[in-house]
PDB file of N, CA and C in Angstrom:
ATOM      1  N   MET A   1     -80.945  -8.930 -17.452  1.00  0.00           N
ATOM      2  CA  MET A   1     -80.477  -9.021 -16.380  1.00  0.00           C
ATOM      3  C   MET A   1     -81.197 -10.034 -15.146  1.00  0.00           C
ATOM      4  N   SER A   2     -80.525 -10.842 -14.751  1.00  0.00           N
ATOM      5  CA  SER A   2     -81.481 -11.812 -13.710  1.00  0.00           C
ATOM      6  C   SER A   2     -81.018 -11.472 -12.227  1.00  0.00           C
ATOM      7  N   ILE A   3     -82.067 -11.582 -11.736  1.00  0.00           N
ATOM      8  CA  ILE A   3     -82.106 -11.067 -10.023  1.00  0.00           C
ATOM      9  C   ILE A   3     -80.556 -11.078  -9.449  1.00  0.00           C
ATOM     10  N   ARG A   4     -79.812 -12.332  -9.602  1.00  0.00           N
ATOM     11  CA  ARG A   4     -78.590 -12.219  -9.156  1.00  0.00           C
ATOM     12  C   ARG A   4     -77.712 -10.979  -9.551  1.00  0.00           C
ATOM     13  N   ASP A   5     -78.130 -10.474 -10.723  1.00  0.00           N
ATOM     14  CA  ASP A   5     -77.275  -9.319 -11.106  1.00  0.00           C
ATOM     15  C   ASP A   5     -77.783  -8.084 -10.174  1.00  0.00           C
ATOM     16  N   LEU A   6     -78.606  -8.126  -9.598  1.00  0.00           N
ATOM     17  CA  LEU A   6     -79.153  -7.134  -8.475  1.00  0.00           C
ATOM     18  C   LEU A   6     -78.097  -6.925  -7.107  1.00  0.00           C
ATOM     19  N   LEU A   7     -77.547  -8.241  -6.765  1.00  0.00           N
ATOM     20  CA  LEU A   7     -76.957  -8.802  -5.481  1.00  0.00           C
ATOM     21  C   LEU A   7     -75.373  -7.599  -5.836  1.00  0.00           C
ATOM     22  N   ASN A   8     -75.140  -7.149  -4.615  1.00  0.00           N
ATOM     23  CA  ASN A   8     -73.958  -5.950  -4.679  1.00  0.00           C
ATOM     24  C   ASN A   8     -72.982  -6.983  -3.924  1.00  0.00           C
ATOM     25  N   PRO A   9     -72.082  -7.651  -4.473  1.00  0.00           N
ATOM     26  CA  PRO A   9     -70.996  -8.033  -3.352  1.00  0.00           C
ATOM     27  C   PRO A   9     -70.251  -7.447  -2.987  1.00  0.00           C
ATOM     28  N   GLY A  10     -69.891  -6.184  -2.874  1.00  0.00           N
ATOM     29  CA  GLY A  10     -69.070  -5.070  -2.601  1.00  0.00           C
ATOM     30  C   GLY A  10     -69.750  -4.342  -1.211  1.00  0.00           C
ATOM     31  N   SER A  11     -71.069  -4.696  -1.552  1.00  0.00           N
ATOM     32  CA  SER A  11     -71.627  -4.096  -0.198  1.00  0.00           C
ATOM     33  C   SER A  11     -71.229  -5.120   1.124  1.00  0.00           C
ATOM     34  N   LYS A  12     -70.920  -3.686   2.250  1.00  0.00           N
ATOM     35  CA  LYS A  12     -70.709  -4.280   3.560  1.00  0.00           C
ATOM     36  C   LYS A  12     -71.547  -5.447   3.698  1.00  0.00           C
ATOM     37  N   GLY A  13     -73.183  -5.341   3.336  1.00  0.00           N
ATOM     38  CA  GLY A  13     -74.139  -6.351   4.168  1.00  0.00           C
ATOM     39  C   GLY A  13     -74.181  -7.865   3.867  1.00  0.00           C
ATOM     40  N   PHE A  14     -73.373  -7.620   2.361  1.00  0.00           N
ATOM     41  CA  PHE A  14     -72.945  -8.765   1.350  1.00  0.00           C
ATOM     42  C   PHE A  14     -71.866  -9.627   1.766  1.00  0.00           C
ATOM     43  N   LYS A  15     -70.909  -9.020   2.100  1.00  0.00           N
ATOM     44  CA  LYS A  15     -69.591  -9.316   2.542  1.00  0.00           C
ATOM     45  C   LYS A  15     -69.902  -9.985   4.036  1.00  0.00           C
ATOM     46  N   ASP A  16     -70.586  -9.485   4.950  1.00  0.00           N
ATOM     47  CA  ASP A  16     -71.197 -10.245   6.576  1.00  0.00           C
ATOM     48  C   ASP A  16     -71.434 -11.458   6.196  1.00  0.00           C
ATOM     49  N   LEU A  17     -72.619 -11.404   5.132  1.00  0.00           N
ATOM     50  CA  LEU A  17     -73.164 -12.789   4.895  1.00  0.00           C
ATOM     51  C   LEU A  17     -72.133 -14.083   4.791  1.00  0.00           C
ATOM     52  N   LYS A  18     -71.054 -13.861   4.400  1.00  0.00           N
ATOM     53  CA  LYS A  18     -69.815 -14.312   3.910  1.00  0.00           C
ATOM     54  C   LYS A  18     -70.538 -15.466   2.885  1.00  0.00           C
ATOM     55  N   LEU A  19     -71.022 -15.032   1.670  1.00  0.00           N
ATOM     56  CA  LEU A  19     -71.582 -15.398   0.504  1.00  0.00           C
ATOM     57  C   LEU A  19     -70.548 -15.978  -0.860  1.00  0.00           C
ATOM     58  N   ASP A  20     -70.713 -16.784  -1.485  1.00  0.00           N
ATOM     59  CA  ASP A  20     -70.266 -17.080  -2.562  1.00  0.00           C
ATOM     60  C   ASP A  20     -71.191 -16.733  -3.799  1.00  0.00           C
ATOM     61  N   LEU A  21     -70.827 -15.743  -4.471  1.00  0.00           N
ATOM     62  CA  LEU A  21     -71.789 -15.072  -5.360  1.00  0.00           C
ATOM     63  C   LEU A  21     -72.455 -16.302  -6.253  1.00  0.00           C
ATOM     64  N   ASP A  22     -71.090 -17.198  -7.122  1.00  0.00           N
ATOM     65  CA  ASP A  22     -71.078 -17.822  -8.069  1.00  0.00           C
ATOM     66  C   ASP A  22     -72.058 -18.990  -7.901  1.00  0.00           C
ATOM     67  N   SER A  23     -72.438 -19.198  -6.489  1.00  0.00           N
ATOM     68  CA  SER A  23     -73.349 -20.483  -6.228  1.00  0.00           C
ATOM     69  C   SER A  23     -74.691 -20.094  -5.565  1.00  0.00           C
ATOM     70  N   ILE A  24     -75.092 -18.813  -5.668  1.00  0.00           N
ATOM     71  CA  ILE A  24     -76.206 -18.421  -5.816  1.00  0.00           C
ATOM     72  C   ILE A  24     -77.322 -18.490  -7.093  1.00  0.00           C
ATOM     73  N   THR A  25     -78.738 -19.145  -6.674  1.00  0.00           N
ATOM     74  CA  THR A  25     -79.020 -19.559  -8.126  1.00  0.00           C
ATOM     75  C   THR A  25     -80.183 -18.085  -7.457  1.00  0.00           C
ATOM     76  N   ASP A  26     -81.134 -17.813  -8.634  1.00  0.00           N
ATOM     77  CA  ASP A  26     -81.856 -16.311  -8.857  1.00  0.00           C
ATOM     78  C   ASP A  26     -82.878 -16.628  -7.792  1.00  0.00           C
ATOM     79  N   PRO A  27     -84.030 -18.016  -7.434  1.00  0.00           N
ATOM     80  CA  PRO A  27     -84.804 -17.647  -6.584  1.00  0.00           C
ATOM     81  C   PRO A  27     -83.876 -17.373  -5.525  1.00  0.00           C
ATOM     82  N   GLU A  28     -82.716 -17.843  -5.039  1.00  0.00           N
ATOM     83  CA  GLU A  28     -81.966 -17.548  -3.346  1.00  0.00           C
ATOM     84  C   GLU A  28     -81.639 -16.182  -3.180  1.00  0.00           C
ATOM     85  N   ALA A  29     -81.190 -15.616  -4.733  1.00  0.00           N
ATOM     86  CA  ALA A  29     -80.745 -14.279  -4.093  1.00  0.00           C
ATOM     87  C   ALA A  29     -82.010 -13.354  -4.288  1.00  0.00           C
ATOM     88  N   ALA A  30     -83.275 -13.452  -4.834  1.00  0.00           N
ATOM     89  CA  ALA A  30     -84.427 -13.059  -4.470  1.00  0.00           C
ATOM     90  C   ALA A  30     -84.794 -12.784  -3.052  1.00  0.00           C
ATOM     91  N   GLU A  31     -84.866 -14.186  -2.259  1.00  0.00           N
ATOM     92  CA  GLU A  31     -84.723 -14.350  -0.712  1.00  0.00           C
ATOM     93  C   GLU A  31     -83.837 -13.801  -0.328  1.00  0.00           C
ATOM     94  N   LEU A  32     -82.836 -13.780  -0.867  1.00  0.00           N
ATOM     95  CA  LEU A  32     -81.642 -12.661   0.058  1.00  0.00           C
ATOM     96  C   LEU A  32     -81.861 -11.392  -0.019  1.00  0.00           C
ATOM     97  N   ILE A  33     -82.076 -10.459  -1.001  1.00  0.00           N
ATOM     98  CA  ILE A  33     -82.709  -9.393  -1.184  1.00  0.00           C
ATOM     99  C   ILE A  33     -83.983  -8.917  -0.020  1.00  0.00           C
ATOM    100  N   ASN A  34     -84.776  -9.959  -0.141  1.00  0.00           N
ATOM    101  CA  ASN A  34     -86.491  -9.616   0.274  1.00  0.00           C
ATOM    102  C   ASN A  34     -85.249  -9.767   2.089  1.00  0.00           C
ATOM    103  N   LYS A  35     -84.788 -10.672   2.347  1.00  0.00           N
ATOM    104  CA  LYS A  35     -84.339 -10.426   3.988  1.00  0.00           C
ATOM    105  C   LYS A  35     -83.178  -9.588   4.508  1.00  0.00           C
ATOM    106  N   ASN A  36     -82.535  -8.949   3.435  1.00  0.00           N
ATOM    107  CA  ASN A  36     -81.618  -8.150   3.540  1.00  0.00           C
ATOM    108  C   ASN A  36     -81.348  -7.172   2.292  1.00  0.00           C
ATOM    109  N   PRO A  37     -82.012  -6.187   2.186  1.00  0.00           N
ATOM    110  CA  PRO A  37     -82.498  -5.267   1.227  1.00  0.00           C
ATOM    111  C   PRO A  37     -81.273  -4.639   0.520  1.00  0.00           C
ATOM    112  N   LYS A  38     -80.298  -4.268   1.845  1.00  0.00           N
ATOM    113  CA  LYS A  38     -78.607  -3.488   1.561  1.00  0.00           C
ATOM    114  C   LYS A  38     -77.826  -4.412   1.014  1.00  0.00           C
ATOM    115  N   ILE A  39     -77.895  -5.639   0.478  1.00  0.00           N
ATOM    116  CA  ILE A  39     -76.960  -6.383  -0.520  1.00  0.00           C
ATOM    117  C   ILE A  39     -77.554  -6.123  -1.899  1.00  0.00           C
ATOM    118  N   MET A  40     -78.714  -5.016  -2.445  1.00  0.00           N
ATOM    119  CA  MET A  40     -79.140  -5.273  -3.397  1.00  0.00           C
ATOM    120  C   MET A  40     -78.232  -3.375  -4.297  1.00  0.00           C
ATOM    121  N   ARG A  41     -78.070  -3.723  -5.258  1.00  0.00           N
ATOM    122  CA  ARG A  41     -77.172  -2.701  -5.896  1.00  0.00           C
ATOM    123  C   ARG A  41     -78.531  -1.686  -6.020  1.00  0.00           C
ATOM    124  N   ARG A  42     -77.655  -0.095  -5.432  1.00  0.00           N
ATOM    125  CA  ARG A  42     -78.814   0.654  -5.690  1.00  0.00           C
ATOM    126  C   ARG A  42     -78.081   1.630  -6.599  1.00  0.00           C
ATOM    127  N   PRO A  43     -78.761   2.864  -7.021  1.00  0.00           N
ATOM    128  CA  PRO A  43     -80.052   3.048  -7.439  1.00  0.00           C
ATOM    129  C   PRO A  43     -80.455   2.244  -8.756  1.00  0.00           C
ATOM    130  N   LEU A  44     -81.900   2.065  -8.630  1.00  0.00           N
ATOM    131  CA  LEU A  44     -82.442   1.327 -10.043  1.00  0.00           C
ATOM    132  C   LEU A  44     -82.949   2.362 -10.798  1.00  0.00           C
ATOM    133  N   LEU A  45     -82.999   2.390 -12.012  1.00  0.00           N
ATOM    134  CA  LEU A  45     -83.203   3.088 -13.199  1.00  0.00           C
ATOM    135  C   LEU A  45     -83.889   2.193 -14.242  1.00  0.00           C
ATOM    136  N   THR A  46     -84.685   2.616 -14.576  1.00  0.00           N
ATOM    137  CA  THR A  46     -85.492   1.858 -15.652  1.00  0.00           C
ATOM    138  C   THR A  46     -86.130   3.071 -16.769  1.00  0.00           C
ATOM    139  N   ASP A  47     -86.826   2.642 -17.819  1.00  0.00           N
ATOM    140  CA  ASP A  47     -87.323   3.281 -18.987  1.00  0.00           C
ATOM    141  C   ASP A  47     -88.380   2.219 -19.479  1.00  0.00           C
ATOM    142  N   GLY A  48     -88.689   1.470 -18.391  1.00  0.00           N
ATOM    143  CA  GLY A  48     -89.817   0.549 -18.519  1.00  0.00           C
ATOM    144  C   GLY A  48     -89.298  -0.703 -19.637  1.00  0.00           C
ATOM    145  N   LYS A  49     -88.811  -0.756 -20.333  1.00  0.00           N
ATOM    146  CA  LYS A  49     -88.011  -1.458 -21.123  1.00  0.00           C
ATOM    147  C   LYS A  49     -86.615  -2.563 -20.508  1.00  0.00           C
ATOM    148  N   LYS A  50     -85.753  -1.417 -20.155  1.00  0.00           N
ATOM    149  CA  LYS A  50     -84.505  -1.848 -19.859  1.00  0.00           C
ATOM    150  C   LYS A  50     -84.354  -1.025 -18.336  1.00  0.00           C
ATOM    151  N   LEU A  51     -83.445  -2.057 -17.218  1.00  0.00           N
ATOM    152  CA  LEU A  51     -83.223  -1.588 -16.242  1.00  0.00           C
ATOM    153  C   LEU A  51     -81.898  -1.732 -15.889  1.00  0.00           C
ATOM    154  N   ALA A  52     -81.302  -0.493 -15.443  1.00  0.00           N
ATOM    155  CA  ALA A  52     -79.796  -0.307 -15.049  1.00  0.00           C
ATOM    156  C   ALA A  52     -79.878  -0.502 -13.570  1.00  0.00           C
ATOM    157  N   ALA A  53     -78.881  -1.056 -12.903  1.00  0.00           N
ATOM    158  CA  ALA A  53     -78.834  -1.257 -11.540  1.00  0.00           C
ATOM    159  C   ALA A  53     -77.034  -0.620 -11.046  1.00  0.00           C
ATOM    160  N   GLY A  54     -77.130  -0.039  -9.910  1.00  0.00           N
ATOM    161  CA  GLY A  54     -75.945   0.462  -9.329  1.00  0.00           C
ATOM    162  C   GLY A  54     -75.657   1.726  -9.942  1.00  0.00           C
ATOM    163  N   PHE A  55     -74.676   2.014  -9.624  1.00  0.00           N
ATOM    164  CA  PHE A  55     -74.035   3.963 -10.268  1.00  0.00           C
ATOM    165  C   PHE A  55     -73.464   3.832 -11.977  1.00  0.00           C
ATOM    166  N   LYS A  56     -73.990   3.529 -12.474  1.00  0.00           N
ATOM    167  CA  LYS A  56     -73.412   3.560 -13.825  1.00  0.00           C
ATOM    168  C   LYS A  56     -73.921   4.684 -14.570  1.00  0.00           C
ATOM    169  N   PRO A  57     -73.303   5.941 -14.432  1.00  0.00           N
ATOM    170  CA  PRO A  57     -74.092   7.287 -15.445  1.00  0.00           C
ATOM    171  C   PRO A  57     -74.244   6.751 -17.053  1.00  0.00           C
ATOM    172  N   GLU A  58     -73.269   5.987 -18.012  1.00  0.00           N
ATOM    173  CA  GLU A  58     -73.360   5.876 -18.717  1.00  0.00           C
ATOM    174  C   GLU A  58     -74.729   5.141 -19.320  1.00  0.00           C
ATOM    175  N   GLN A  59     -74.945   4.105 -18.681  1.00  0.00           N
ATOM    176  CA  GLN A  59     -76.359   3.402 -18.445  1.00  0.00           C
ATOM    177  C   GLN A  59     -77.499   4.132 -18.551  1.00  0.00           C
ATOM    178  N   TYR A  60     -77.335   5.283 -17.576  1.00  0.00           N
ATOM    179  CA  TYR A  60     -78.216   6.469 -17.173  1.00  0.00           C
ATOM    180  C   TYR A  60     -79.142   7.263 -18.666  1.00  0.00           C
ATOM    181  N   SER A  61     -77.633   7.426 -19.266  1.00  0.00           N
ATOM    182  CA  SER A  61     -78.100   8.439 -20.272  1.00  0.00           C
ATOM    183  C   SER A  61     -78.486   7.600 -21.678  1.00  0.00           C
ATOM    184  N   SER A  62     -78.160   6.424 -21.661  1.00  0.00           N
ATOM    185  CA  SER A  62     -78.770   5.803 -22.740  1.00  0.00           C
ATOM    186  C   SER A  62     -80.133   5.547 -22.226  1.00  0.00           C
ATOM    187  N   LEU A  63     -80.630   5.166 -21.184  1.00  0.00           N
ATOM    188  CA  LEU A  63     -82.058   5.274 -20.667  1.00  0.00           C
ATOM    189  C   LEU A  63     -82.793   6.370 -20.772  1.00  0.00           C
ATOM    190  N   VAL A  64     -82.215   7.328 -20.503  1.00  0.00           N
ATOM    191  CA  VAL A  64     -83.442   8.681 -20.578  1.00  0.00           C
ATOM    192  C   VAL A  64     -82.865   9.849 -21.729  1.00  0.00           C
ATOM    193  N   GLY A  65     -82.124   8.996 -22.794  1.00  0.00           N
ATOM    194  CA  GLY A  65     -81.881   9.543 -23.993  1.00  0.00           C
ATOM    195  C   GLY A  65     -80.995  10.853 -23.949  1.00  0.00           C
ATOM    196  N   THR A  66     -80.339  11.222 -23.028  1.00  0.00           N
ATOM    197  CA  THR A  66     -79.051  12.248 -23.131  1.00  0.00           C
ATOM    198  C   THR A  66     -77.901  11.506 -23.370  1.00  0.00           C
ATOM    199  N   GLY A  67     -76.737  12.316 -23.733  1.00  0.00           N
ATOM    200  CA  GLY A  67     -75.131  12.041 -23.675  1.00  0.00           C
ATOM    201  C   GLY A  67     -74.607  11.440 -24.368  1.00  0.00           C
TER     202      GLY A  67
END
């Protein structure tokens, strides 16, 4: 998963910034998230090796070993 994958283009904050997701680099994404944390996908869940970003219950169960 890249830092860019943590951006939530559907969020109001992202839409308000009128950004083109395809033109954003990982360093730019990191800076954008730092300045506008509400544009980051939430929640984040990790097992220490893998990361799931956004509301994806099917990924959660694979990380915690249920389902």
